[in-house]
């Protein structure tokens, strides 16, 4: 039975139409997340929060607000610290984190779908014209990018964990300076810092492993491309002698 060599038959590479439908929903979710982030910025700007020097804090984005909280010593207009603890889900900073995580996830989803659609369409075009090597390079490049994306995600998680450690250390400083001192809370958050630092060390092992796999992928691409070139040269040479 003959195989129709049109792009639509390459089901192995996914269904672009389905991805486009997913993209519509992803863009809608991104719009909702952006609206929620804008509302959170407006809310925080209206709280008249101040830094350690008493200066009014006004930010344009939720990530700017996250950086402001990471510096610590954020106060209300009456001079009281914005506390609540890093594990208090109802604290101002943790409510902000929920909004940021939702926005970040929505942005990643839209970006990933756009990249997948572009890659599949390019693969279909290459295969429909018989450019097998071009299709392989595209596929291998996509795999290498997959490793890079995972690597970037892990690096972002490491940065987020470091920010969390900074927030906890800031909170610890406030607890230690409080009267009376809450020794139980100090012990609890000191232990949490130790755990987070331990998690960072373990994740660094995964990061090094991903770097190794990404490099192996590039080495494989180079090796196959070289062998393909040598094979084509031999075929052309044999044709010439014929």
Protein backbone atom coordinates (compact mmCIF):
# COMPACT_ATOMS: atom_id res chain seq x y z
CA UNK A 1 0.00 0.00 0.00
CA UNK A 2 1.44 3.36 -1.06
CA UNK A 3 2.03 6.00 1.59
CA UNK A 4 0.89 9.52 0.87
CA UNK A 5 3.98 11.70 1.60
CA UNK A 6 2.03 14.80 2.59
CA UNK A 7 2.73 16.58 5.92
CA UNK A 8 -0.68 15.62 7.34
CA UNK A 9 0.36 11.96 7.44
CA UNK A 10 3.26 12.56 9.79
CA UNK A 11 1.14 11.94 12.89
CA UNK A 12 4.27 10.94 14.83
CA UNK A 13 5.15 14.60 15.03
CA UNK A 14 1.85 15.61 16.53
CA UNK A 15 -1.22 17.41 15.39
CA UNK A 16 -0.63 21.09 14.74
CA UNK A 17 -4.35 21.77 14.65
CA UNK A 18 -4.78 20.38 18.17
CA UNK A 19 -1.84 22.45 19.37
CA UNK A 20 -3.43 25.57 17.91
CA UNK A 21 -6.63 24.83 19.83
CA UNK A 22 -4.58 24.38 23.00
CA UNK A 23 -2.88 27.69 22.24
CA UNK A 24 -6.23 29.52 22.20
CA UNK A 25 -6.98 28.29 25.73
CA UNK A 26 -3.42 28.99 26.86
CA UNK A 27 -3.59 32.58 25.61
CA UNK A 28 -6.90 33.02 27.44
CA UNK A 29 -5.33 31.70 30.66
CA UNK A 30 -2.37 34.02 30.15
CA UNK A 31 -4.71 36.99 29.78
CA UNK A 32 -6.43 36.08 33.05
CA UNK A 33 -3.05 35.73 34.81
CA UNK A 34 -1.89 39.10 33.47
CA UNK A 35 -5.10 40.78 34.67
CA UNK A 36 -4.67 39.21 38.11
CA UNK A 37 -1.06 40.39 38.24
CA UNK A 38 -2.06 43.95 37.29
CA UNK A 39 -4.71 43.92 40.02
CA UNK A 40 -2.17 42.71 42.57
CA UNK A 41 0.26 45.51 41.66
CA UNK A 42 -2.52 48.06 42.05
CA UNK A 43 -3.48 46.54 45.41
CA UNK A 44 0.09 46.59 46.76
CA UNK A 45 0.76 50.11 45.51
CA UNK A 46 -2.38 51.22 47.34
CA UNK A 47 -1.16 49.75 50.65
CA UNK A 48 1.41 52.55 51.05
CA UNK A 49 4.16 50.10 52.03
CA UNK A 50 7.61 51.46 52.82
CA UNK A 51 11.20 50.24 52.80
CA UNK A 52 13.61 50.20 55.76
CA UNK A 53 14.38 53.88 55.18
CA UNK A 54 10.73 54.88 55.30
CA UNK A 55 10.54 55.49 51.55
CA UNK A 56 7.25 54.71 49.79
CA UNK A 57 7.47 51.58 47.61
CA UNK A 58 5.70 51.79 44.25
CA UNK A 59 6.27 49.11 41.61
CA UNK A 60 5.13 48.53 38.02
CA UNK A 61 5.12 44.71 38.01
CA UNK A 62 4.54 41.84 40.43
CA UNK A 63 8.14 40.74 39.96
CA UNK A 64 9.35 44.17 41.06
CA UNK A 65 7.23 43.74 44.18
CA UNK A 66 8.72 40.29 44.74
CA UNK A 67 12.21 41.81 44.61
CA UNK A 68 11.12 44.49 47.09
CA UNK A 69 9.92 41.85 49.56
CA UNK A 70 13.08 39.80 49.02
CA UNK A 71 15.15 42.74 50.29
CA UNK A 72 13.22 42.50 53.56
CA UNK A 73 12.23 45.07 56.17
CA UNK A 74 9.07 46.12 54.31
CA UNK A 75 6.82 48.15 56.61
CA UNK A 76 3.26 49.39 56.74
CA UNK A 77 2.64 53.14 56.80
CA UNK A 78 2.37 52.97 60.62
CA UNK A 79 5.94 51.60 60.87
CA UNK A 80 5.04 47.98 61.68
CA UNK A 81 6.86 45.29 59.72
CA UNK A 82 4.97 43.27 57.10
CA UNK A 83 5.53 39.90 58.73
CA UNK A 84 3.58 36.65 58.58
CA UNK A 85 6.45 34.24 58.03
CA UNK A 86 7.62 32.55 54.80
CA UNK A 87 5.26 29.61 55.34
CA UNK A 88 2.18 31.71 56.11
CA UNK A 89 -0.06 31.26 53.04
CA UNK A 90 -2.04 34.33 54.03
CA UNK A 91 0.99 36.61 54.24
CA UNK A 92 1.27 39.49 51.75
CA UNK A 93 4.45 38.12 50.16
CA UNK A 94 3.12 34.58 49.74
CA UNK A 95 -0.13 35.78 48.19
CA UNK A 96 2.06 37.70 45.75
CA UNK A 97 4.05 34.54 45.00
CA UNK A 98 0.86 32.66 44.07
CA UNK A 99 0.04 35.34 41.48
CA UNK A 100 3.59 35.31 40.09
CA UNK A 101 3.68 31.51 39.83
CA UNK A 102 0.38 31.51 37.93
CA UNK A 103 1.64 34.19 35.53
CA UNK A 104 4.97 32.43 34.97
CA UNK A 105 3.29 29.08 34.29
CA UNK A 106 0.87 30.67 31.79
CA UNK A 107 3.73 32.41 29.97
CA UNK A 108 5.72 29.17 29.75
CA UNK A 109 2.68 27.29 28.39
CA UNK A 110 2.08 29.79 25.59
CA UNK A 111 5.77 29.91 24.69
CA UNK A 112 6.04 26.12 24.64
CA UNK A 113 2.99 25.70 22.39
CA UNK A 114 4.22 28.35 19.93
CA UNK A 115 7.60 26.66 19.72
CA UNK A 116 6.02 23.21 19.23
CA UNK A 117 3.78 24.47 16.41
CA UNK A 118 6.71 26.16 14.67
CA UNK A 119 8.87 23.06 15.02
CA UNK A 120 6.21 20.65 13.71
CA UNK A 121 5.40 22.82 10.72
CA UNK A 122 9.09 23.06 9.84
CA UNK A 123 9.49 19.28 10.21
CA UNK A 124 6.52 18.64 7.91
CA UNK A 125 7.93 20.98 5.29
CA UNK A 126 11.35 19.31 5.37
CA UNK A 127 9.95 15.78 5.19
CA UNK A 128 7.52 16.63 2.39
CA UNK A 129 10.46 17.85 0.28
CA UNK A 130 12.57 14.78 1.08
CA UNK A 131 15.10 16.66 3.21
CA UNK A 132 15.65 13.83 5.70
CA UNK A 133 18.86 15.27 7.11
CA UNK A 134 17.25 18.65 7.57
CA UNK A 135 14.37 17.00 9.43
CA UNK A 136 16.82 15.09 11.62
CA UNK A 137 18.71 18.26 12.49
CA UNK A 138 15.44 19.93 13.37
CA UNK A 139 14.40 17.01 15.57
CA UNK A 140 17.80 16.77 17.27
CA UNK A 141 17.85 20.52 17.78
CA UNK A 142 14.40 20.33 19.35
CA UNK A 143 15.64 17.61 21.71
CA UNK A 144 18.66 19.70 22.67
CA UNK A 145 16.37 22.65 23.30
CA UNK A 146 14.24 20.42 25.51
CA UNK A 147 17.27 19.76 27.70
CA UNK A 148 18.06 23.48 27.73
CA UNK A 149 14.49 24.34 28.75
CA UNK A 150 14.66 21.85 31.63
CA UNK A 151 18.01 23.32 32.58
CA UNK A 152 16.58 26.84 32.55
CA UNK A 153 13.63 25.69 34.67
CA UNK A 154 15.97 24.18 37.25
CA UNK A 155 18.05 27.35 37.33
CA UNK A 156 14.90 29.41 37.90
CA UNK A 157 13.92 27.05 40.72
CA UNK A 158 17.37 27.47 42.25
CA UNK A 159 17.03 31.25 42.07
CA UNK A 160 13.54 31.09 43.59
CA UNK A 161 14.82 28.90 46.42
CA UNK A 162 17.69 31.30 47.07
CA UNK A 163 15.17 34.16 47.20
CA UNK A 164 13.12 32.15 49.68
CA UNK A 165 16.22 31.58 51.84
CA UNK A 166 16.84 35.34 51.80
CA UNK A 167 13.25 35.99 52.86
CA UNK A 168 13.50 33.48 55.69
CA UNK A 169 16.82 34.91 56.86
CA UNK A 170 15.27 38.39 56.84
CA UNK A 171 12.33 37.10 58.86
CA UNK A 172 14.74 35.33 61.23
CA UNK A 173 16.54 38.62 61.79
CA UNK A 174 13.24 40.25 62.70
CA UNK A 175 12.37 37.38 65.06
CA UNK A 176 15.77 37.57 66.74
CA UNK A 177 15.39 41.30 67.25
CA UNK A 178 11.88 41.03 68.63
CA UNK A 179 11.04 41.28 72.33
CA UNK A 180 10.32 38.74 73.65
CA UNK A 181 12.19 36.32 71.37
CA UNK A 182 10.20 33.40 69.96
CA UNK A 183 12.86 30.68 70.28
CA UNK A 184 10.61 27.98 68.85
CA UNK A 185 9.95 29.97 65.68
CA UNK A 186 13.67 30.82 65.37
CA UNK A 187 14.56 27.13 65.61
CA UNK A 188 11.85 26.20 63.10
CA UNK A 189 12.95 28.67 60.44
CA UNK A 190 16.65 27.96 61.00
CA UNK A 191 15.91 24.29 60.28
CA UNK A 192 13.97 25.29 57.17
CA UNK A 193 16.97 27.23 55.86
CA UNK A 194 19.17 24.16 56.36
CA UNK A 195 16.68 21.99 54.45
CA UNK A 196 16.41 24.43 51.56
CA UNK A 197 20.20 24.63 51.28
CA UNK A 198 20.34 20.83 51.23
CA UNK A 199 17.70 20.73 48.46
CA UNK A 200 19.80 23.18 46.46
CA UNK A 201 22.85 20.91 46.67
CA UNK A 202 20.81 17.93 45.44
CA UNK A 203 19.30 19.92 42.57
CA UNK A 204 22.76 21.03 41.47
CA UNK A 205 23.52 17.35 40.80
CA UNK A 206 20.49 17.22 38.45
CA UNK A 207 21.61 20.43 36.75
CA UNK A 208 25.06 18.99 36.05
CA UNK A 209 23.43 15.83 34.65
CA UNK A 210 21.25 17.90 32.28
CA UNK A 211 24.28 19.84 31.06
CA UNK A 212 25.99 16.52 30.30
CA UNK A 213 22.96 15.18 28.38
CA UNK A 214 22.66 18.39 26.37
CA UNK A 215 26.30 18.15 25.38
CA UNK A 216 25.85 14.49 24.42
CA UNK A 217 22.94 15.49 22.19
CA UNK A 218 25.10 18.01 20.32
CA UNK A 219 27.88 15.43 19.99
CA UNK A 220 25.40 12.95 18.51
CA UNK A 221 24.16 15.55 16.02
CA UNK A 222 27.72 16.28 14.91
CA UNK A 223 28.57 12.59 14.58
CA UNK A 224 25.49 11.71 12.50
CA UNK A 225 25.90 14.78 10.31
CA UNK A 226 29.51 13.79 9.61
CA UNK A 227 28.55 10.20 8.74
CA UNK A 228 25.69 11.43 6.54
CA UNK A 229 28.06 13.72 4.66
CA UNK A 230 30.58 10.92 4.18
CA UNK A 231 27.86 8.55 2.91
CA UNK A 232 26.57 11.12 0.42
CA UNK A 233 30.10 11.74 -0.84
CA UNK A 234 30.59 8.02 -1.39
CA UNK A 235 27.26 7.78 -3.27
CA UNK A 236 28.18 10.73 -5.47
CA UNK A 237 31.64 9.23 -6.04
CA UNK A 238 30.14 5.89 -7.08
CA UNK A 239 27.73 7.63 -9.45
CA UNK A 240 30.64 9.48 -10.99
CA UNK A 241 32.58 6.28 -11.61
CA UNK A 242 29.49 4.69 -13.13
